[in-house]
Amino acid sequence: MNILVVEDERNLADAIVRILSDADYNAEAVYDGKSGLTACESGLYDAVIMDGMLPGMDGIEICTRIREESGVPIIMLTARTDTADVV
């Protein structure tokens, strides 16, 4: 399984990639929203783990644009606490 990690905090992104790789997943990280969308559009990934707040384009906008083209599973990470944002 190929997993894309879209996270602007490089240490966190690299840690997630390392954990996934240790669990025998093929994981790759990009560090901003536009790169995340471009990578998703390639169709190479079976799942995406994405930060909700990214530079260049936020995770919600990326998710919306991905959904226009693909049903790839997306896990959103967020530090937001507002219930509407989390849901």
PDB file of N, CA and C in Angstrom:
ATOM      1  N   MET A   1       0.852  -1.181   0.000  1.00  0.00           N
ATOM      2  CA  MET A   1       0.000   0.000   0.000  1.00  0.00           C
ATOM      3  C   MET A   1       0.888   1.231   0.000  1.00  0.00           C
ATOM      4  N   ASN A   2       0.572   2.184  -0.859  1.00  0.00           N
ATOM      5  CA  ASN A   2       1.301   3.444  -0.948  1.00  0.00           C
ATOM      6  C   ASN A   2       0.526   4.533  -0.224  1.00  0.00           C
ATOM      7  N   ILE A   3       1.171   5.182   0.731  1.00  0.00           N
ATOM      8  CA  ILE A   3       0.513   6.196   1.539  1.00  0.00           C
ATOM      9  C   ILE A   3       1.253   7.516   1.389  1.00  0.00           C
ATOM     10  N   LEU A   4       0.492   8.579   1.142  1.00  0.00           N
ATOM     11  CA  LEU A   4       1.042   9.926   1.065  1.00  0.00           C
ATOM     12  C   LEU A   4       0.778  10.647   2.371  1.00  0.00           C
ATOM     13  N   VAL A   5       1.808  11.255   2.936  1.00  0.00           N
ATOM     14  CA  VAL A   5       1.686  12.066   4.143  1.00  0.00           C
ATOM     15  C   VAL A   5       1.871  13.523   3.722  1.00  0.00           C
ATOM     16  N   VAL A   6       0.870  14.354   4.001  1.00  0.00           N
ATOM     17  CA  VAL A   6       0.931  15.778   3.670  1.00  0.00           C
ATOM     18  C   VAL A   6       0.925  16.535   4.995  1.00  0.00           C
ATOM     19  N   GLU A   7       2.078  17.017   5.386  1.00  0.00           N
ATOM     20  CA  GLU A   7       2.254  17.640   6.708  1.00  0.00           C
ATOM     21  C   GLU A   7       3.387  18.661   6.615  1.00  0.00           C
ATOM     22  N   ASP A   8       3.129  19.895   7.039  1.00  0.00           N
ATOM     23  CA  ASP A   8       4.145  20.938   6.928  1.00  0.00           C
ATOM     24  C   ASP A   8       5.200  20.887   8.029  1.00  0.00           C
ATOM     25  N   GLU A   9       4.913  20.225   9.126  1.00  0.00           N
ATOM     26  CA  GLU A   9       5.927  20.068  10.167  1.00  0.00           C
ATOM     27  C   GLU A   9       6.774  18.856   9.805  1.00  0.00           C
ATOM     28  N   ARG A  10       7.971  19.125   9.283  1.00  0.00           N
ATOM     29  CA  ARG A  10       8.821  18.074   8.732  1.00  0.00           C
ATOM     30  C   ARG A  10       9.130  16.959   9.739  1.00  0.00           C
ATOM     31  N   ASN A  11       9.385  17.320  10.978  1.00  0.00           N
ATOM     32  CA  ASN A  11       9.699  16.279  11.973  1.00  0.00           C
ATOM     33  C   ASN A  11       8.526  15.325  12.160  1.00  0.00           C
ATOM     34  N   LEU A  12       7.324  15.866  12.213  1.00  0.00           N
ATOM     35  CA  LEU A  12       6.132  15.033  12.368  1.00  0.00           C
ATOM     36  C   LEU A  12       5.906  14.189  11.118  1.00  0.00           C
ATOM     37  N   ALA A  13       6.022  14.811   9.948  1.00  0.00           N
ATOM     38  CA  ALA A  13       5.838  14.076   8.692  1.00  0.00           C
ATOM     39  C   ALA A  13       6.833  12.928   8.586  1.00  0.00           C
ATOM     40  N   ASP A  14       8.087  13.216   8.884  1.00  0.00           N
ATOM     41  CA  ASP A  14       9.123  12.181   8.790  1.00  0.00           C
ATOM     42  C   ASP A  14       8.896  11.061   9.803  1.00  0.00           C
ATOM     43  N   ALA A  15       8.398  11.408  10.987  1.00  0.00           N
ATOM     44  CA  ALA A  15       8.098  10.386  11.996  1.00  0.00           C
ATOM     45  C   ALA A  15       6.951   9.483  11.523  1.00  0.00           C
ATOM     46  N   ILE A  16       5.919  10.077  10.934  1.00  0.00           N
ATOM     47  CA  ILE A  16       4.795   9.287  10.430  1.00  0.00           C
ATOM     48  C   ILE A  16       5.267   8.359   9.313  1.00  0.00           C
ATOM     49  N   VAL A  17       6.085   8.885   8.401  1.00  0.00           N
ATOM     50  CA  VAL A  17       6.621   8.062   7.310  1.00  0.00           C
ATOM     51  C   VAL A  17       7.437   6.904   7.870  1.00  0.00           C
ATOM     52  N   ARG A  18       8.255   7.175   8.859  1.00  0.00           N
ATOM     53  CA  ARG A  18       9.092   6.133   9.465  1.00  0.00           C
ATOM     54  C   ARG A  18       8.231   5.050  10.118  1.00  0.00           C
ATOM     55  N   ILE A  19       7.209   5.446  10.834  1.00  0.00           N
ATOM     56  CA  ILE A  19       6.318   4.483  11.491  1.00  0.00           C
ATOM     57  C   ILE A  19       5.598   3.629  10.455  1.00  0.00           C
ATOM     58  N   LEU A  20       5.101   4.267   9.414  1.00  0.00           N
ATOM     59  CA  LEU A  20       4.410   3.516   8.357  1.00  0.00           C
ATOM     60  C   LEU A  20       5.368   2.578   7.625  1.00  0.00           C
ATOM     61  N   SER A  21       6.572   3.049   7.366  1.00  0.00           N
ATOM     62  CA  SER A  21       7.573   2.209   6.696  1.00  0.00           C
ATOM     63  C   SER A  21       7.941   1.009   7.547  1.00  0.00           C
ATOM     64  N   ASP A  22       8.057   1.217   8.853  1.00  0.00           N
ATOM     65  CA  ASP A  22       8.356   0.110   9.770  1.00  0.00           C
ATOM     66  C   ASP A  22       7.231  -0.928   9.777  1.00  0.00           C
ATOM     67  N   ALA A  23       6.015  -0.485   9.430  1.00  0.00           N
ATOM     68  CA  ALA A  23       4.867  -1.389   9.369  1.00  0.00           C
ATOM     69  C   ALA A  23       4.665  -1.939   7.953  1.00  0.00           C
ATOM     70  N   ASP A  24       5.702  -1.818   7.127  1.00  0.00           N
ATOM     71  CA  ASP A  24       5.718  -2.353   5.757  1.00  0.00           C
ATOM     72  C   ASP A  24       4.793  -1.649   4.771  1.00  0.00           C
ATOM     73  N   TYR A  25       4.501  -0.372   5.010  1.00  0.00           N
ATOM     74  CA  TYR A  25       3.804   0.443   4.023  1.00  0.00           C
ATOM     75  C   TYR A  25       4.841   1.248   3.247  1.00  0.00           C
ATOM     76  N   ASN A  26       4.527   1.579   2.011  1.00  0.00           N
ATOM     77  CA  ASN A  26       5.348   2.502   1.236  1.00  0.00           C
ATOM     78  C   ASN A  26       4.802   3.891   1.511  1.00  0.00           C
ATOM     79  N   ALA A  27       5.564   4.697   2.230  1.00  0.00           N
ATOM     80  CA  ALA A  27       5.083   6.015   2.619  1.00  0.00           C
ATOM     81  C   ALA A  27       6.046   7.083   2.124  1.00  0.00           C
ATOM     82  N   GLU A  28       5.450   8.202   1.748  1.00  0.00           N
ATOM     83  CA  GLU A  28       6.198   9.335   1.234  1.00  0.00           C
ATOM     84  C   GLU A  28       5.584  10.600   1.812  1.00  0.00           C
ATOM     85  N   ALA A  29       6.392  11.633   2.026  1.00  0.00           N
ATOM     86  CA  ALA A  29       5.881  12.881   2.590  1.00  0.00           C
ATOM     87  C   ALA A  29       6.111  14.037   1.630  1.00  0.00           C
ATOM     88  N   VAL A  30       5.148  14.958   1.632  1.00  0.00           N
ATOM     89  CA  VAL A  30       5.306  16.276   1.035  1.00  0.00           C
ATOM     90  C   VAL A  30       4.922  17.280   2.104  1.00  0.00           C
ATOM     91  N   TYR A  31       5.384  18.528   1.946  1.00  0.00           N
ATOM     92  CA  TYR A  31       5.331  19.445   3.072  1.00  0.00           C
ATOM     93  C   TYR A  31       4.488  20.699   2.855  1.00  0.00           C
ATOM     94  N   ASP A  32       3.694  20.740   1.801  1.00  0.00           N
ATOM     95  CA  ASP A  32       2.791  21.875   1.610  1.00  0.00           C
ATOM     96  C   ASP A  32       1.573  21.419   0.811  1.00  0.00           C
ATOM     97  N   GLY A  33       0.547  22.257   0.823  1.00  0.00           N
ATOM     98  CA  GLY A  33      -0.714  21.890   0.212  1.00  0.00           C
ATOM     99  C   GLY A  33      -0.654  21.664  -1.286  1.00  0.00           C
ATOM    100  N   LYS A  34       0.004  22.555  -2.009  1.00  0.00           N
ATOM    101  CA  LYS A  34       0.056  22.404  -3.467  1.00  0.00           C
ATOM    102  C   LYS A  34       0.779  21.126  -3.867  1.00  0.00           C
ATOM    103  N   SER A  35       1.876  20.806  -3.187  1.00  0.00           N
ATOM    104  CA  SER A  35       2.591  19.556  -3.474  1.00  0.00           C
ATOM    105  C   SER A  35       1.726  18.354  -3.140  1.00  0.00           C
ATOM    106  N   GLY A  36       0.947  18.471  -2.070  1.00  0.00           N
ATOM    107  CA  GLY A  36       0.045  17.390  -1.691  1.00  0.00           C
ATOM    108  C   GLY A  36      -1.008  17.132  -2.749  1.00  0.00           C
ATOM    109  N   LEU A  37      -1.606  18.203  -3.272  1.00  0.00           N
ATOM    110  CA  LEU A  37      -2.628  18.042  -4.302  1.00  0.00           C
ATOM    111  C   LEU A  37      -2.024  17.447  -5.569  1.00  0.00           C
ATOM    112  N   THR A  38      -0.868  17.942  -5.964  1.00  0.00           N
ATOM    113  CA  THR A  38      -0.199  17.422  -7.158  1.00  0.00           C
ATOM    114  C   THR A  38       0.099  15.938  -7.000  1.00  0.00           C
ATOM    115  N   ALA A  39       0.611  15.551  -5.828  1.00  0.00           N
ATOM    116  CA  ALA A  39       0.934  14.145  -5.577  1.00  0.00           C
ATOM    117  C   ALA A  39      -0.336  13.292  -5.608  1.00  0.00           C
ATOM    118  N   CYS A  40      -1.410  13.785  -5.030  1.00  0.00           N
ATOM    119  CA  CYS A  40      -2.672  13.033  -5.022  1.00  0.00           C
ATOM    120  C   CYS A  40      -3.214  12.851  -6.431  1.00  0.00           C
ATOM    121  N   GLU A  41      -3.068  13.869  -7.245  1.00  0.00           N
ATOM    122  CA  GLU A  41      -3.573  13.802  -8.616  1.00  0.00           C
ATOM    123  C   GLU A  41      -2.826  12.777  -9.465  1.00  0.00           C
ATOM    124  N   SER A  42      -1.637  12.378  -9.016  1.00  0.00           N
ATOM    125  CA  SER A  42      -0.859  11.392  -9.767  1.00  0.00           C
ATOM    126  C   SER A  42      -1.526  10.017  -9.759  1.00  0.00           C
ATOM    127  N   GLY A  43      -2.384   9.771  -8.752  1.00  0.00           N
ATOM    128  CA  GLY A  43      -3.068   8.485  -8.661  1.00  0.00           C
ATOM    129  C   GLY A  43      -2.203   7.357  -8.134  1.00  0.00           C
ATOM    130  N   LEU A  44      -1.040   7.678  -7.598  1.00  0.00           N
ATOM    131  CA  LEU A  44      -0.104   6.651  -7.132  1.00  0.00           C
ATOM    132  C   LEU A  44      -0.370   6.174  -5.705  1.00  0.00           C
ATOM    133  N   TYR A  45      -1.278   6.827  -5.000  1.00  0.00           N
ATOM    134  CA  TYR A  45      -1.439   6.550  -3.573  1.00  0.00           C
ATOM    135  C   TYR A  45      -2.762   5.857  -3.268  1.00  0.00           C
ATOM    136  N   ASP A  46      -2.693   4.918  -2.332  1.00  0.00           N
ATOM    137  CA  ASP A  46      -3.865   4.167  -1.900  1.00  0.00           C
ATOM    138  C   ASP A  46      -4.564   4.826  -0.722  1.00  0.00           C
ATOM    139  N   ALA A  47      -3.864   5.733  -0.032  1.00  0.00           N
ATOM    140  CA  ALA A  47      -4.415   6.444   1.114  1.00  0.00           C
ATOM    141  C   ALA A  47      -3.588   7.710   1.342  1.00  0.00           C
ATOM    142  N   VAL A  48      -4.214   8.692   2.009  1.00  0.00           N
ATOM    143  CA  VAL A  48      -3.552   9.963   2.293  1.00  0.00           C
ATOM    144  C   VAL A  48      -3.760  10.299   3.763  1.00  0.00           C
ATOM    145  N   ILE A  49      -2.694  10.713   4.419  1.00  0.00           N
ATOM    146  CA  ILE A  49      -2.762  11.250   5.774  1.00  0.00           C
ATOM    147  C   ILE A  49      -2.368  12.715   5.648  1.00  0.00           C
ATOM    148  N   MET A  50      -3.273  13.615   6.036  1.00  0.00           N
ATOM    149  CA  MET A  50      -3.069  15.022   5.736  1.00  0.00           C
ATOM    150  C   MET A  50      -3.382  15.924   6.917  1.00  0.00           C
ATOM    151  N   ASP A  51      -2.537  16.925   7.088  1.00  0.00           N
ATOM    152  CA  ASP A  51      -2.770  17.977   8.074  1.00  0.00           C
ATOM    153  C   ASP A  51      -3.930  18.841   7.586  1.00  0.00           C
ATOM    154  N   GLY A  52      -4.710  19.339   8.493  1.00  0.00           N
ATOM    155  CA  GLY A  52      -5.818  20.214   8.116  1.00  0.00           C
ATOM    156  C   GLY A  52      -5.385  21.620   7.794  1.00  0.00           C
ATOM    157  N   MET A  53      -4.267  22.050   8.368  1.00  0.00           N
ATOM    158  CA  MET A  53      -3.789  23.415   8.152  1.00  0.00           C
ATOM    159  C   MET A  53      -2.408  23.347   7.509  1.00  0.00           C
ATOM    160  N   LEU A  54      -2.351  23.726   6.224  1.00  0.00           N
ATOM    161  CA  LEU A  54      -1.116  23.626   5.452  1.00  0.00           C
ATOM    162  C   LEU A  54      -0.828  24.950   4.759  1.00  0.00           C
ATOM    163  N   PRO A  55       0.440  25.235   4.518  1.00  0.00           N
ATOM    164  CA  PRO A  55       0.753  26.438   3.739  1.00  0.00           C
ATOM    165  C   PRO A  55       0.416  26.226   2.264  1.00  0.00           C
ATOM    166  N   GLY A  56       0.002  27.278   1.602  1.00  0.00           N
ATOM    167  CA  GLY A  56      -0.278  27.207   0.174  1.00  0.00           C
ATOM    168  C   GLY A  56      -1.709  26.829  -0.138  1.00  0.00           C
ATOM    169  N   MET A  57      -2.241  25.857   0.562  1.00  0.00           N
ATOM    170  CA  MET A  57      -3.608  25.386   0.342  1.00  0.00           C
ATOM    171  C   MET A  57      -3.950  24.510   1.548  1.00  0.00           C
ATOM    172  N   ASP A  58      -5.054  24.803   2.232  1.00  0.00           N
ATOM    173  CA  ASP A  58      -5.334  24.023   3.442  1.00  0.00           C
ATOM    174  C   ASP A  58      -5.885  22.640   3.114  1.00  0.00           C
ATOM    175  N   GLY A  59      -5.841  21.780   4.116  1.00  0.00           N
ATOM    176  CA  GLY A  59      -6.233  20.388   3.949  1.00  0.00           C
ATOM    177  C   GLY A  59      -7.678  20.202   3.525  1.00  0.00           C
ATOM    178  N   ILE A  60      -8.567  21.082   3.985  1.00  0.00           N
ATOM    179  CA  ILE A  60      -9.980  20.974   3.614  1.00  0.00           C
ATOM    180  C   ILE A  60     -10.149  21.234   2.116  1.00  0.00           C
ATOM    181  N   GLU A  61      -9.472  22.242   1.591  1.00  0.00           N
ATOM    182  CA  GLU A  61      -9.556  22.529   0.162  1.00  0.00           C
ATOM    183  C   GLU A  61      -8.969  21.386  -0.663  1.00  0.00           C
ATOM    184  N   ILE A  62      -7.839  20.853  -0.209  1.00  0.00           N
ATOM    185  CA  ILE A  62      -7.230  19.721  -0.918  1.00  0.00           C
ATOM    186  C   ILE A  62      -8.190  18.532  -0.919  1.00  0.00           C
ATOM    187  N   CYS A  63      -8.765  18.240   0.231  1.00  0.00           N
ATOM    188  CA  CYS A  63      -9.703  17.117   0.355  1.00  0.00           C
ATOM    189  C   CYS A  63     -10.882  17.302  -0.595  1.00  0.00           C
ATOM    190  N   THR A  64     -11.425  18.502  -0.648  1.00  0.00           N
ATOM    191  CA  THR A  64     -12.540  18.796  -1.542  1.00  0.00           C
ATOM    192  C   THR A  64     -12.157  18.551  -2.994  1.00  0.00           C
ATOM    193  N   ARG A  65     -10.970  18.994  -3.377  1.00  0.00           N
ATOM    194  CA  ARG A  65     -10.525  18.825  -4.762  1.00  0.00           C
ATOM    195  C   ARG A  65     -10.217  17.360  -5.085  1.00  0.00           C
ATOM    196  N   ILE A  66      -9.675  16.636  -4.117  1.00  0.00           N
ATOM    197  CA  ILE A  66      -9.423  15.203  -4.332  1.00  0.00           C
ATOM    198  C   ILE A  66     -10.749  14.480  -4.540  1.00  0.00           C
ATOM    199  N   ARG A  67     -11.746  14.810  -3.737  1.00  0.00           N
ATOM    200  CA  ARG A  67     -13.054  14.144  -3.816  1.00  0.00           C
ATOM    201  C   ARG A  67     -13.744  14.379  -5.160  1.00  0.00           C
ATOM    202  N   GLU A  68     -13.392  15.443  -5.852  1.00  0.00           N
ATOM    203  CA  GLU A  68     -13.962  15.678  -7.184  1.00  0.00           C
ATOM    204  C   GLU A  68     -13.495  14.624  -8.178  1.00  0.00           C
ATOM    205  N   GLU A  69     -12.345  13.995  -7.895  1.00  0.00           N
ATOM    206  CA  GLU A  69     -11.737  13.061  -8.839  1.00  0.00           C
ATOM    207  C   GLU A  69     -11.568  11.640  -8.306  1.00  0.00           C
ATOM    208  N   SER A  70     -11.520  11.479  -6.966  1.00  0.00           N
ATOM    209  CA  SER A  70     -11.091  10.203  -6.406  1.00  0.00           C
ATOM    210  C   SER A  70     -11.805   9.899  -5.091  1.00  0.00           C
ATOM    211  N   GLY A  71     -11.888   8.620  -4.794  1.00  0.00           N
ATOM    212  CA  GLY A  71     -12.438   8.168  -3.522  1.00  0.00           C
ATOM    213  C   GLY A  71     -11.357   7.649  -2.594  1.00  0.00           C
ATOM    214  N   VAL A  72     -10.091   8.034  -2.847  1.00  0.00           N
ATOM    215  CA  VAL A  72      -8.982   7.558  -2.025  1.00  0.00           C
ATOM    216  C   VAL A  72      -9.258   7.889  -0.551  1.00  0.00           C
ATOM    217  N   PRO A  73      -9.013   6.947   0.364  1.00  0.00           N
ATOM    218  CA  PRO A  73      -9.225   7.233   1.787  1.00  0.00           C
ATOM    219  C   PRO A  73      -8.287   8.345   2.262  1.00  0.00           C
ATOM    220  N   ILE A  74      -8.844   9.269   3.055  1.00  0.00           N
ATOM    221  CA  ILE A  74      -8.078  10.393   3.591  1.00  0.00           C
ATOM    222  C   ILE A  74      -8.278  10.444   5.092  1.00  0.00           C
ATOM    223  N   ILE A  75      -7.168  10.499   5.814  1.00  0.00           N
ATOM    224  CA  ILE A  75      -7.207  10.720   7.259  1.00  0.00           C
ATOM    225  C   ILE A  75      -6.696  12.129   7.490  1.00  0.00           C
ATOM    226  N   MET A  76      -7.515  12.947   8.131  1.00  0.00           N
ATOM    227  CA  MET A  76      -7.131  14.333   8.409  1.00  0.00           C
ATOM    228  C   MET A  76      -6.600  14.436   9.837  1.00  0.00           C
ATOM    229  N   LEU A  77      -5.451  15.073   9.970  1.00  0.00           N
ATOM    230  CA  LEU A  77      -4.891  15.395  11.276  1.00  0.00           C
ATOM    231  C   LEU A  77      -5.184  16.863  11.543  1.00  0.00           C
ATOM    232  N   THR A  78      -5.604  17.201  12.745  1.00  0.00           N
ATOM    233  CA  THR A  78      -5.894  18.594  13.030  1.00  0.00           C
ATOM    234  C   THR A  78      -5.617  18.945  14.479  1.00  0.00           C
ATOM    235  N   ALA A  79      -5.172  20.170  14.676  1.00  0.00           N
ATOM    236  CA  ALA A  79      -5.006  20.700  16.022  1.00  0.00           C
ATOM    237  C   ALA A  79      -6.203  21.561  16.378  1.00  0.00           C
ATOM    238  N   ARG A  80      -7.126  21.720  15.435  1.00  0.00           N
ATOM    239  CA  ARG A  80      -8.313  22.529  15.678  1.00  0.00           C
ATOM    240  C   ARG A  80      -9.184  21.840  16.722  1.00  0.00           C
ATOM    241  N   THR A  81      -9.849  22.638  17.525  1.00  0.00           N
ATOM    242  CA  THR A  81     -10.676  22.081  18.585  1.00  0.00           C
ATOM    243  C   THR A  81     -12.161  22.373  18.392  1.00  0.00           C
ATOM    244  N   ASP A  82     -12.499  23.264  17.486  1.00  0.00           N
ATOM    245  CA  ASP A  82     -13.895  23.579  17.232  1.00  0.00           C
ATOM    246  C   ASP A  82     -14.579  22.335  16.650  1.00  0.00           C
ATOM    247  N   THR A  83     -15.712  21.964  17.212  1.00  0.00           N
ATOM    248  CA  THR A  83     -16.398  20.738  16.795  1.00  0.00           C
ATOM    249  C   THR A  83     -16.696  20.729  15.301  1.00  0.00           C
ATOM    250  N   ALA A  84     -17.130  21.844  14.756  1.00  0.00           N
ATOM    251  CA  ALA A  84     -17.451  21.910  13.321  1.00  0.00           C
ATOM    252  C   ALA A  84     -16.213  21.621  12.480  1.00  0.00           C
ATOM    253  N   ASP A  85     -15.049  22.127  12.884  1.00  0.00           N
ATOM    254  CA  ASP A  85     -13.815  21.880  12.153  1.00  0.00           C
ATOM    255  C   ASP A  85     -13.416  20.405  12.237  1.00  0.00           C
ATOM    256  N   VAL A  86     -13.537  19.833  13.410  1.00  0.00           N
ATOM    257  CA  VAL A  86     -13.135  18.445  13.609  1.00  0.00           C
ATOM    258  C   VAL A  86     -14.025  17.513  12.805  1.00  0.00           C
ATOM    259  N   VAL A  87     -15.331  17.745  12.844  1.00  0.00           N
ATOM    260  CA  VAL A  87     -16.269  16.887  12.098  1.00  0.00           C
ATOM    261  C   VAL A  87     -16.047  17.064  10.609  1.00  0.00           C
TER     262      VAL A  87
END
